[in-house]
Amino acid sequence: MHIRRLVVTALISVFVSGCATNVIQNFTNTPDYSKLYLRGVFSWWEADEKYRLKQIEDNVFATKIELIADGQPYDFKFADANWSPDLNCGYASLSNDQVVIVNEVVNANCERTDENFKFTPQETGVYQFSIDFNGFGSPKVLIEQLTN
């Protein structure tokens, strides 16, 4: 009886430790955000090196772009060169996050393929586009005007 209990306990331990290892491995496997580009109408949706995001803080990536204020919106999103499913970030909510305004944070969703952000600059100038992957929930997108 004692040997049987010992064998059952050992089997349960092996099973539970195997499950825990798989869960931890999957949980810590995060995408490589350093492979993201700002992609949009200004780059013909290509992964152009001049629009590759650079890490500016922990889990915050950004790039700068000069835009002309002609009253037309610029469609854009953040994506890697291959449009990979976990690295294809568009707006999270059509009603709240699609239109981006300077200095106002919106939410992104990196698991969708067709949801492009829209930004209409009020002034011609250089803008910084950033995406923040810190914390829980949706990544945060911010556009700041650097020069006019």
C-alpha atoms as a PDB file:
ATOM      1  CA  MET A   1       0.000   0.000   0.000  1.00  0.00           C
ATOM      2  CA  HIS A   2       2.823   2.395   0.898  1.00  0.00           C
ATOM      3  CA  ILE A   3       4.609   1.754  -2.430  1.00  0.00           C
ATOM      4  CA  ARG A   4       1.381   2.282  -4.354  1.00  0.00           C
ATOM      5  CA  ARG A   5       0.838   5.682  -2.687  1.00  0.00           C
ATOM      6  CA  LEU A   6       4.443   6.620  -3.444  1.00  0.00           C
ATOM      7  CA  VAL A   7       4.049   5.700  -7.137  1.00  0.00           C
ATOM      8  CA  VAL A   8       0.760   7.631  -7.445  1.00  0.00           C
ATOM      9  CA  THR A   9       2.326  10.681  -5.773  1.00  0.00           C
ATOM     10  CA  ALA A  10       5.322  10.514  -8.117  1.00  0.00           C
ATOM     11  CA  LEU A  11       3.082  10.257 -11.199  1.00  0.00           C
ATOM     12  CA  ILE A  12       0.967  13.200 -10.084  1.00  0.00           C
ATOM     13  CA  SER A  13       4.124  15.267  -9.434  1.00  0.00           C
ATOM     14  CA  VAL A  14       5.476  14.506 -12.900  1.00  0.00           C
ATOM     15  CA  PHE A  15       2.158  15.355 -14.536  1.00  0.00           C
ATOM     16  CA  VAL A  16       1.693  18.621 -12.621  1.00  0.00           C
ATOM     17  CA  SER A  17       5.275  19.788 -13.161  1.00  0.00           C
ATOM     18  CA  GLY A  18       4.990  19.032 -16.893  1.00  0.00           C
ATOM     19  CA  CYS A  19       1.834  21.150 -17.151  1.00  0.00           C
ATOM     20  CA  ALA A  20       3.374  24.018 -15.215  1.00  0.00           C
ATOM     21  CA  THR A  21       6.450  24.072 -17.435  1.00  0.00           C
ATOM     22  CA  ASN A  22       4.365  24.344 -20.616  1.00  0.00           C
ATOM     23  CA  VAL A  23       2.203  27.132 -19.213  1.00  0.00           C
ATOM     24  CA  ILE A  24       5.198  29.187 -18.093  1.00  0.00           C
ATOM     25  CA  GLN A  25       7.004  28.689 -21.400  1.00  0.00           C
ATOM     26  CA  ASN A  26       3.982  29.845 -23.425  1.00  0.00           C
ATOM     27  CA  PHE A  27       3.288  32.766 -21.107  1.00  0.00           C
ATOM     28  CA  THR A  28       6.803  34.214 -21.352  1.00  0.00           C
ATOM     29  CA  ASN A  29       7.024  33.885 -25.148  1.00  0.00           C
ATOM     30  CA  THR A  30       6.399  37.540 -26.129  1.00  0.00           C
ATOM     31  CA  PRO A  31       6.690  38.925 -29.672  1.00  0.00           C
ATOM     32  CA  ASP A  32       9.820  40.806 -30.750  1.00  0.00           C
ATOM     33  CA  TYR A  33       8.493  44.364 -30.973  1.00  0.00           C
ATOM     34  CA  SER A  34      11.829  45.650 -32.309  1.00  0.00           C
ATOM     35  CA  LYS A  35      10.772  44.240 -35.708  1.00  0.00           C
ATOM     36  CA  LEU A  36       7.865  46.693 -36.077  1.00  0.00           C
ATOM     37  CA  TYR A  37       7.533  49.402 -38.701  1.00  0.00           C
ATOM     38  CA  LEU A  38       5.188  52.334 -39.026  1.00  0.00           C
ATOM     39  CA  ARG A  39       3.342  51.341 -42.197  1.00  0.00           C
ATOM     40  CA  GLY A  40       0.817  53.460 -44.055  1.00  0.00           C
ATOM     41  CA  VAL A  41      -0.122  55.460 -47.109  1.00  0.00           C
ATOM     42  CA  PHE A  42       3.059  57.558 -46.746  1.00  0.00           C
ATOM     43  CA  SER A  43       5.198  54.408 -47.318  1.00  0.00           C
ATOM     44  CA  TRP A  44       2.863  52.642 -49.768  1.00  0.00           C
ATOM     45  CA  TRP A  45       2.302  50.210 -46.856  1.00  0.00           C
ATOM     46  CA  GLU A  46       5.853  48.878 -47.269  1.00  0.00           C
ATOM     47  CA  ALA A  47       8.204  48.005 -44.402  1.00  0.00           C
ATOM     48  CA  ASP A  48      10.544  50.940 -45.081  1.00  0.00           C
ATOM     49  CA  GLU A  49      13.690  51.060 -42.899  1.00  0.00           C
ATOM     50  CA  LYS A  50      13.313  54.805 -42.326  1.00  0.00           C
ATOM     51  CA  TYR A  51      10.016  54.034 -40.541  1.00  0.00           C
ATOM     52  CA  ARG A  52      11.352  51.134 -38.462  1.00  0.00           C
ATOM     53  CA  LEU A  53      10.500  51.591 -34.804  1.00  0.00           C
ATOM     54  CA  LYS A  54      13.271  52.084 -32.271  1.00  0.00           C
ATOM     55  CA  GLN A  55      12.980  51.361 -28.574  1.00  0.00           C
ATOM     56  CA  ILE A  56      12.873  54.683 -26.682  1.00  0.00           C
ATOM     57  CA  GLU A  57      11.943  53.254 -23.255  1.00  0.00           C
ATOM     58  CA  ASP A  58      11.200  49.829 -21.799  1.00  0.00           C
ATOM     59  CA  ASN A  59       8.614  48.292 -24.163  1.00  0.00           C
ATOM     60  CA  VAL A  60       7.959  51.662 -25.866  1.00  0.00           C
ATOM     61  CA  PHE A  61       8.851  51.926 -29.557  1.00  0.00           C
ATOM     62  CA  ALA A  62       8.711  54.992 -31.820  1.00  0.00           C
ATOM     63  CA  THR A  63       9.686  56.565 -35.112  1.00  0.00           C
ATOM     64  CA  LYS A  64       9.548  60.071 -36.579  1.00  0.00           C
ATOM     65  CA  ILE A  65       7.944  61.103 -39.840  1.00  0.00           C
ATOM     66  CA  GLU A  66       7.385  64.369 -41.685  1.00  0.00           C
ATOM     67  CA  LEU A  67       3.752  64.867 -42.715  1.00  0.00           C
ATOM     68  CA  ILE A  68       2.003  67.500 -44.824  1.00  0.00           C
ATOM     69  CA  ALA A  69      -1.207  69.028 -43.497  1.00  0.00           C
ATOM     70  CA  ASP A  70      -3.436  68.927 -46.564  1.00  0.00           C
ATOM     71  CA  GLY A  71      -6.705  68.057 -44.807  1.00  0.00           C
ATOM     72  CA  GLN A  72      -6.526  64.385 -45.815  1.00  0.00           C
ATOM     73  CA  PRO A  73      -6.172  61.623 -43.215  1.00  0.00           C
ATOM     74  CA  TYR A  74      -3.132  59.365 -43.206  1.00  0.00           C
ATOM     75  CA  ASP A  75      -4.063  55.709 -42.689  1.00  0.00           C
ATOM     76  CA  PHE A  76      -1.409  53.763 -40.764  1.00  0.00           C
ATOM     77  CA  LYS A  77      -0.686  50.874 -38.445  1.00  0.00           C
ATOM     78  CA  PHE A  78       2.267  49.181 -36.801  1.00  0.00           C
ATOM     79  CA  ALA A  79       3.369  45.850 -38.313  1.00  0.00           C
ATOM     80  CA  ASP A  80       6.435  43.786 -39.004  1.00  0.00           C
ATOM     81  CA  ALA A  81       7.778  43.111 -42.508  1.00  0.00           C
ATOM     82  CA  ASN A  82       5.657  39.965 -42.916  1.00  0.00           C
ATOM     83  CA  TRP A  83       2.374  41.238 -41.472  1.00  0.00           C
ATOM     84  CA  SER A  84       2.678  38.553 -38.769  1.00  0.00           C
ATOM     85  CA  PRO A  85      -0.533  38.004 -36.775  1.00  0.00           C
ATOM     86  CA  ASP A  86       0.907  39.037 -33.365  1.00  0.00           C
ATOM     87  CA  LEU A  87       2.813  41.962 -34.874  1.00  0.00           C
ATOM     88  CA  ASN A  88       0.048  43.675 -36.850  1.00  0.00           C
ATOM     89  CA  CYS A  89      -1.338  46.469 -34.665  1.00  0.00           C
ATOM     90  CA  GLY A  90      -4.359  48.519 -35.649  1.00  0.00           C
ATOM     91  CA  TYR A  91      -7.068  50.246 -33.633  1.00  0.00           C
ATOM     92  CA  ALA A  92      -8.812  48.384 -30.807  1.00  0.00           C
ATOM     93  CA  SER A  93     -12.252  50.012 -31.006  1.00  0.00           C
ATOM     94  CA  LEU A  94     -13.825  51.631 -34.067  1.00  0.00           C
ATOM     95  CA  SER A  95     -15.690  54.211 -31.990  1.00  0.00           C
ATOM     96  CA  ASN A  96     -12.867  55.241 -29.628  1.00  0.00           C
ATOM     97  CA  ASP A  97      -9.486  54.382 -31.106  1.00  0.00           C
ATOM     98  CA  GLN A  98      -9.540  54.652 -34.904  1.00  0.00           C
ATOM     99  CA  VAL A  99      -8.953  58.414 -35.198  1.00  0.00           C
ATOM    100  CA  VAL A 100      -5.762  59.566 -33.498  1.00  0.00           C
ATOM    101  CA  ILE A 101      -5.323  63.165 -32.324  1.00  0.00           C
ATOM    102  CA  VAL A 102      -1.991  64.699 -31.314  1.00  0.00           C
ATOM    103  CA  ASN A 103      -1.135  64.032 -27.645  1.00  0.00           C
ATOM    104  CA  GLU A 104      -4.164  61.776 -27.047  1.00  0.00           C
ATOM    105  CA  VAL A 105      -3.550  58.106 -26.299  1.00  0.00           C
ATOM    106  CA  VAL A 106      -5.617  55.448 -28.106  1.00  0.00           C
ATOM    107  CA  ASN A 107      -5.679  51.669 -27.735  1.00  0.00           C
ATOM    108  CA  ALA A 108      -4.259  49.223 -30.262  1.00  0.00           C
ATOM    109  CA  ASN A 109      -5.047  45.614 -30.994  1.00  0.00           C
ATOM    110  CA  CYS A 110      -2.190  43.527 -32.384  1.00  0.00           C
ATOM    111  CA  GLU A 111      -4.303  40.537 -33.366  1.00  0.00           C
ATOM    112  CA  ARG A 112      -6.347  42.092 -36.191  1.00  0.00           C
ATOM    113  CA  THR A 113      -5.440  42.633 -39.812  1.00  0.00           C
ATOM    114  CA  ASP A 114      -7.643  45.348 -41.318  1.00  0.00           C
ATOM    115  CA  GLU A 115      -8.102  48.035 -38.665  1.00  0.00           C
ATOM    116  CA  ASN A 116      -6.030  51.046 -39.742  1.00  0.00           C
ATOM    117  CA  PHE A 117      -5.618  54.129 -37.600  1.00  0.00           C
ATOM    118  CA  LYS A 118      -6.362  57.533 -39.154  1.00  0.00           C
ATOM    119  CA  PHE A 119      -4.457  60.730 -38.433  1.00  0.00           C
ATOM    120  CA  THR A 120      -5.052  64.138 -39.998  1.00  0.00           C
ATOM    121  CA  PRO A 121      -2.274  66.584 -39.050  1.00  0.00           C
ATOM    122  CA  GLN A 122      -3.412  70.132 -38.389  1.00  0.00           C
ATOM    123  CA  GLU A 123       0.057  71.498 -39.251  1.00  0.00           C
ATOM    124  CA  THR A 124       2.823  70.353 -41.574  1.00  0.00           C
ATOM    125  CA  GLY A 125       5.732  69.098 -39.477  1.00  0.00           C
ATOM    126  CA  VAL A 126       7.616  66.208 -37.935  1.00  0.00           C
ATOM    127  CA  TYR A 127       5.589  63.825 -35.780  1.00  0.00           C
ATOM    128  CA  GLN A 128       6.626  61.006 -33.500  1.00  0.00           C
ATOM    129  CA  PHE A 129       4.440  57.891 -33.637  1.00  0.00           C
ATOM    130  CA  SER A 130       4.866  55.573 -30.652  1.00  0.00           C
ATOM    131  CA  ILE A 131       3.375  52.355 -29.332  1.00  0.00           C
ATOM    132  CA  ASP A 132       3.662  51.356 -25.671  1.00  0.00           C
ATOM    133  CA  PHE A 133       3.479  47.661 -24.751  1.00  0.00           C
ATOM    134  CA  ASN A 134       3.843  48.190 -20.979  1.00  0.00           C
ATOM    135  CA  GLY A 135       1.255  46.930 -18.526  1.00  0.00           C
ATOM    136  CA  PHE A 136      -1.780  44.785 -19.081  1.00  0.00           C
ATOM    137  CA  GLY A 137      -4.437  45.274 -21.705  1.00  0.00           C
ATOM    138  CA  SER A 138      -4.124  46.942 -25.063  1.00  0.00           C
ATOM    139  CA  PRO A 139      -0.927  48.580 -26.282  1.00  0.00           C
ATOM    140  CA  LYS A 140      -1.159  52.391 -26.245  1.00  0.00           C
ATOM    141  CA  VAL A 141      -0.557  54.536 -29.345  1.00  0.00           C
ATOM    142  CA  LEU A 142       0.479  58.196 -29.155  1.00  0.00           C
ATOM    143  CA  ILE A 143       1.344  60.808 -31.783  1.00  0.00           C
ATOM    144  CA  GLU A 144       3.335  63.882 -30.732  1.00  0.00           C
ATOM    145  CA  GLN A 145       4.235  66.862 -32.894  1.00  0.00           C
ATOM    146  CA  LEU A 146       7.968  67.555 -32.677  1.00  0.00           C
ATOM    147  CA  THR A 147       8.336  70.490 -35.123  1.00  0.00           C
ATOM    148  CA  ASN A 148       6.164  72.609 -37.393  1.00  0.00           C
END
